[in-house]
Amino acid sequence: MPLWARVIHEGRECFGTVDGETILLYEGDMLADPRPTRESIPLNAARLLTPINPSKMVALVDNYRALVAKLNHAVPAEPLYFLKANNSFIAGGDTIRAPRSYTGKIVYEGELGIVIGKRCAAVSETDAASCIFGYTCINDVTAIDILNKDPGFAQWTRAKGFDTFGVFGPVIATGVDPAKLIVKTILNGQERQNYPLSDVIFEPVRLVSLISQDMTLEAGDVIACGTSVGVGSMKPGSTVSIVIDGIGTLTNRFE
């Protein structure tokens, strides 16, 4: 089960697979034609980047039965989603920063991310499986008080699009079965979320198929599968980790 990472090492951007404390370097295109080199570097000598550079992140709302039930919402008949601004993207180890223009609550949302491996439009569920390169961890950070501040318009883009609010990584895992995964969120050493991916309403292949009917998904795009119960606020100085065994641990400090 390869774990793909993208890093800066000695001023050079490179990518490869994580093998313990080492990154085995590749050349070419990670998604289309990765070719192994004979080079390797120590993981602790490199700075992690987001594992891919998406053109967009499509993020789901109300995609877990437990959360829909808790909120007393209707189970959606089709995916409910927004787009996460690409200026928001940061990697594991980077700092999530509160906007100067906002003084309200900022919340974490631990999620599974789908990484698209090739351009796809209007694909069937059968074909959608071949469009998925792998999976990553996401923290969909939200300025929650902005979301419904204006009664005439829910501000999903603004609330979730601030700089540093689109956290994902540290790697992309290939060859995993998402239905068997568990998402955990750890805030300052305390578990706040723990939910199974099997509770999802729209599973990954169906999400890729349905979203691709609306918009073309480009290679490297990311779909955030939504979160479940346990979302909460972070205070400055907090450390938050999204843990998905089989993928990895995405850890960031909030200031």
Protein backbone atom coordinates (compact mmCIF):
# COMPACT_ATOMS: atom_id res chain seq x y z
CA MET A 1 0.00 0.00 0.00
CA PRO A 2 2.12 2.96 -1.21
CA LEU A 3 1.94 6.25 0.68
CA TRP A 4 2.78 9.13 -1.65
CA ALA A 5 4.25 12.39 -0.35
CA ARG A 6 5.40 15.66 -1.91
CA VAL A 7 8.20 17.55 -0.16
CA ILE A 8 10.83 20.26 -0.37
CA HIS A 9 14.37 18.95 0.17
CA GLU A 10 17.41 21.19 -0.05
CA GLY A 11 15.40 23.73 -2.03
CA ARG A 12 14.07 21.18 -4.51
CA GLU A 13 10.47 20.01 -4.80
CA CYS A 14 10.24 16.24 -5.16
CA PHE A 15 7.87 13.36 -4.56
CA GLY A 16 7.98 9.72 -3.68
CA THR A 17 6.74 6.96 -1.42
CA VAL A 18 7.20 6.90 2.32
CA ASP A 19 9.07 3.87 3.64
CA GLY A 20 9.41 4.22 7.39
CA GLU A 21 11.60 7.27 7.97
CA THR A 22 12.71 7.45 4.33
CA ILE A 23 11.18 8.83 1.14
CA LEU A 24 11.99 6.81 -1.98
CA LEU A 25 12.06 9.38 -4.75
CA TYR A 26 10.27 9.13 -8.08
CA GLU A 27 10.29 11.21 -11.24
CA GLY A 28 7.64 12.00 -13.84
CA ASP A 29 3.97 12.47 -12.96
CA MET A 30 2.81 11.03 -9.62
CA LEU A 31 -0.70 10.43 -10.96
CA ALA A 32 0.07 9.18 -14.46
CA ASP A 33 3.59 7.82 -14.86
CA PRO A 34 5.69 7.80 -11.68
CA ARG A 35 9.10 6.27 -12.27
CA PRO A 36 11.36 5.20 -9.40
CA THR A 37 14.80 6.70 -9.16
CA ARG A 38 17.70 5.38 -7.13
CA GLU A 39 17.50 8.33 -4.77
CA SER A 40 16.09 8.43 -1.26
CA ILE A 41 16.04 11.11 1.43
CA PRO A 42 15.39 11.05 5.17
CA LEU A 43 11.83 12.07 5.93
CA ASN A 44 12.94 14.33 8.78
CA ALA A 45 15.24 16.24 6.42
CA ALA A 46 12.35 17.31 4.16
CA ARG A 47 9.47 19.75 4.57
CA LEU A 48 6.08 18.29 3.75
CA LEU A 49 3.93 19.97 1.12
CA THR A 50 0.32 19.14 0.40
CA PRO A 51 0.66 15.74 -1.29
CA ILE A 52 -0.94 17.07 -4.47
CA ASN A 53 -1.73 20.53 -5.84
CA PRO A 54 -5.46 20.52 -6.68
CA SER A 55 -7.26 22.89 -9.02
CA LYS A 56 -10.18 22.67 -6.60
CA MET A 57 -11.51 20.92 -3.52
CA VAL A 58 -15.14 19.81 -3.61
CA ALA A 59 -16.43 19.49 -0.04
CA LEU A 60 -19.52 17.62 1.10
CA VAL A 61 -22.22 18.63 3.59
CA ASP A 62 -24.56 16.21 5.42
CA ASN A 63 -22.88 13.06 4.11
CA TYR A 64 -22.99 10.92 7.28
CA ARG A 65 -26.12 9.36 8.68
CA ALA A 66 -25.18 9.98 12.32
CA LEU A 67 -24.72 13.71 11.79
CA VAL A 68 -27.85 14.05 9.66
CA ALA A 69 -29.83 12.33 12.43
CA LYS A 70 -28.30 14.52 15.14
CA LEU A 71 -29.13 17.70 13.22
CA ASN A 72 -32.60 16.39 12.37
CA HIS A 73 -31.93 17.01 8.68
CA ALA A 74 -33.42 15.01 5.83
CA VAL A 75 -31.11 12.49 4.22
CA PRO A 76 -30.05 14.24 0.99
CA ALA A 77 -31.18 12.74 -2.30
CA GLU A 78 -28.03 14.00 -4.03
CA PRO A 79 -24.65 15.27 -2.83
CA LEU A 80 -24.69 18.69 -1.16
CA TYR A 81 -21.38 20.42 -1.68
CA PHE A 82 -19.39 23.64 -1.94
CA LEU A 83 -15.93 24.49 -3.27
CA LYS A 84 -12.98 25.15 -0.99
CA ALA A 85 -10.77 27.99 -2.22
CA ASN A 86 -7.32 26.86 -3.36
CA ASN A 87 -5.68 29.77 -1.50
CA SER A 88 -6.73 27.93 1.68
CA PHE A 89 -4.61 24.83 1.10
CA ILE A 90 -1.84 24.03 3.59
CA ALA A 91 0.07 20.89 4.51
CA GLY A 92 0.59 18.93 7.69
CA GLY A 93 2.91 20.83 10.03
CA ASP A 94 1.83 24.23 8.70
CA THR A 95 0.01 26.67 10.98
CA ILE A 96 -3.74 27.29 10.76
CA ARG A 97 -4.22 31.01 11.36
CA ALA A 98 -7.29 32.86 12.56
CA PRO A 99 -8.26 35.64 10.12
CA ARG A 100 -7.69 39.18 11.35
CA SER A 101 -11.13 40.12 10.04
CA TYR A 102 -12.95 37.56 12.21
CA THR A 103 -13.19 37.10 15.98
CA GLY A 104 -15.73 34.28 16.27
CA LYS A 105 -15.40 30.53 16.72
CA ILE A 106 -13.20 28.48 14.42
CA VAL A 107 -13.92 24.76 14.24
CA TYR A 108 -12.12 21.63 13.05
CA GLU A 109 -13.79 19.01 10.85
CA GLY A 110 -11.93 15.75 10.37
CA GLU A 111 -12.65 14.15 7.00
CA LEU A 112 -11.57 11.61 4.41
CA GLY A 113 -10.33 13.09 1.14
CA ILE A 114 -10.57 11.46 -2.29
CA VAL A 115 -7.74 12.30 -4.70
CA ILE A 116 -8.72 12.22 -8.36
CA GLY A 117 -6.16 10.46 -10.54
CA LYS A 118 -7.28 11.46 -14.03
CA ARG A 119 -9.58 13.93 -15.73
CA CYS A 120 -13.17 12.73 -15.62
CA ALA A 121 -16.54 14.07 -16.70
CA ALA A 122 -19.95 12.39 -16.56
CA VAL A 123 -18.48 9.02 -15.57
CA SER A 124 -20.49 6.04 -14.39
CA GLU A 125 -19.98 4.54 -10.93
CA THR A 126 -18.22 1.61 -12.58
CA ASP A 127 -15.78 3.90 -14.36
CA ALA A 128 -15.43 6.22 -11.36
CA ALA A 129 -13.34 3.65 -9.48
CA SER A 130 -10.54 4.00 -12.05
CA CYS A 131 -10.61 7.80 -11.58
CA ILE A 132 -9.61 7.58 -7.91
CA PHE A 133 -5.87 7.68 -7.29
CA GLY A 134 -6.07 7.37 -3.51
CA TYR A 135 -7.14 8.90 -0.22
CA THR A 136 -5.86 11.51 2.21
CA CYS A 137 -6.74 13.21 5.52
CA ILE A 138 -8.52 16.56 5.60
CA ASN A 139 -9.23 19.20 8.23
CA ASP A 140 -12.01 21.35 6.78
CA VAL A 141 -11.52 24.39 9.04
CA THR A 142 -14.54 26.69 9.31
CA ALA A 143 -15.28 30.18 10.64
CA ILE A 144 -18.58 28.86 11.89
CA ASP A 145 -20.18 32.14 13.01
CA ILE A 146 -19.99 33.49 9.46
CA LEU A 147 -21.82 30.54 7.93
CA ASN A 148 -25.36 31.69 8.78
CA LYS A 149 -24.57 35.28 9.75
CA ASP A 150 -26.74 36.66 6.93
CA PRO A 151 -30.25 35.12 7.07
CA GLY A 152 -30.63 35.60 3.32
CA PHE A 153 -27.53 33.72 2.21
CA ALA A 154 -25.49 30.90 3.74
CA GLN A 155 -21.82 31.90 3.33
CA TRP A 156 -20.15 28.52 2.77
CA THR A 157 -17.37 29.86 0.55
CA ARG A 158 -16.37 32.69 2.87
CA ALA A 159 -16.64 30.65 6.09
CA LYS A 160 -14.46 27.87 4.72
CA GLY A 161 -12.23 29.70 2.24
CA PHE A 162 -9.92 31.76 4.45
CA ASP A 163 -6.18 31.34 3.99
CA THR A 164 -4.94 28.17 5.81
CA PHE A 165 -8.47 26.70 6.21
CA GLY A 166 -8.00 23.88 3.66
CA VAL A 167 -5.66 21.49 5.45
CA PHE A 168 -4.85 18.13 3.87
CA GLY A 169 -2.18 15.42 3.80
CA PRO A 170 0.32 14.33 4.92
CA VAL A 171 0.25 11.62 2.23
CA ILE A 172 -1.99 9.96 -0.33
CA ALA A 173 -2.65 6.30 0.40
CA THR A 174 -3.39 4.00 -2.51
CA GLY A 175 -4.87 0.52 -2.38
CA VAL A 176 -7.04 1.10 0.71
CA ASP A 177 -10.71 0.24 1.18
CA PRO A 178 -12.36 3.43 2.47
CA ALA A 179 -15.36 1.53 3.84
CA LYS A 180 -13.07 -0.04 6.46
CA LEU A 181 -11.52 3.22 7.67
CA ILE A 182 -12.16 5.21 10.85
CA VAL A 183 -11.72 8.99 11.09
CA LYS A 184 -10.50 10.38 14.42
CA THR A 185 -9.86 13.97 15.44
CA ILE A 186 -7.55 14.63 18.38
CA LEU A 187 -7.57 18.12 19.91
CA ASN A 188 -4.82 18.83 22.46
CA GLY A 189 -4.44 15.12 23.15
CA GLN A 190 -8.18 14.47 23.60
CA GLU A 191 -10.24 12.49 21.11
CA ARG A 192 -13.12 14.59 19.79
CA GLN A 193 -14.24 12.64 16.72
CA ASN A 194 -14.31 8.91 16.04
CA TYR A 195 -16.58 7.77 13.26
CA PRO A 196 -16.61 4.98 10.64
CA LEU A 197 -16.52 5.70 6.92
CA SER A 198 -19.09 2.94 6.54
CA ASP A 199 -21.71 5.43 7.84
CA VAL A 200 -21.31 7.56 4.72
CA ILE A 201 -24.42 8.34 2.62
CA PHE A 202 -22.61 8.78 -0.71
CA GLU A 203 -19.60 6.47 -0.91
CA PRO A 204 -16.50 7.60 -2.83
CA VAL A 205 -17.18 6.00 -6.21
CA ARG A 206 -20.73 7.34 -6.18
CA LEU A 207 -19.51 10.80 -5.20
CA VAL A 208 -17.03 10.88 -8.05
CA SER A 209 -19.67 9.76 -10.52
CA LEU A 210 -22.37 12.19 -9.34
CA ILE A 211 -20.10 15.23 -9.00
CA SER A 212 -18.59 14.52 -12.42
CA GLN A 213 -22.06 14.92 -13.92
CA ASP A 214 -21.99 18.55 -12.72
CA MET A 215 -18.37 19.55 -13.34
CA THR A 216 -15.23 18.09 -14.80
CA LEU A 217 -12.88 16.73 -12.16
CA GLU A 218 -9.24 17.31 -13.04
CA ALA A 219 -6.33 15.05 -12.12
CA GLY A 220 -5.23 16.06 -8.62
CA ASP A 221 -8.58 17.48 -7.54
CA VAL A 222 -9.71 16.52 -4.05
CA ILE A 223 -13.17 15.64 -2.77
CA ALA A 224 -13.67 16.12 0.98
CA CYS A 225 -16.24 13.50 1.98
CA GLY A 226 -17.79 15.57 4.79
CA THR A 227 -17.64 15.09 8.52
CA SER A 228 -19.72 13.45 11.23
CA VAL A 229 -20.51 14.17 14.88
CA GLY A 230 -17.96 15.68 17.24
CA VAL A 231 -17.09 18.92 15.47
CA GLY A 232 -15.91 21.58 17.92
CA SER A 233 -14.04 24.84 18.25
CA MET A 234 -10.31 25.40 18.57
CA LYS A 235 -8.58 28.01 20.71
CA PRO A 236 -5.32 29.70 19.69
CA GLY A 237 -2.38 27.56 20.77
CA SER A 238 -4.27 24.32 20.12
CA THR A 239 -2.85 21.32 18.27
CA VAL A 240 -5.27 19.32 16.15
CA SER A 241 -4.66 15.97 14.46
CA ILE A 242 -6.82 14.11 11.95
CA VAL A 243 -5.99 10.42 12.23
CA ILE A 244 -7.04 7.78 9.71
CA ASP A 245 -5.29 4.47 10.31
CA GLY A 246 -4.16 3.15 6.96
CA ILE A 247 -3.52 6.67 5.66
CA GLY A 248 -1.75 8.69 8.32
CA THR A 249 -1.91 11.54 10.81
CA LEU A 250 -2.41 15.17 9.74
CA THR A 251 -1.23 17.48 12.55
CA ASN A 252 -1.34 21.27 12.68
CA ARG A 253 -1.14 24.03 15.26
CA PHE A 254 -3.85 26.69 15.38
CA GLU A 255 -2.89 30.27 16.17
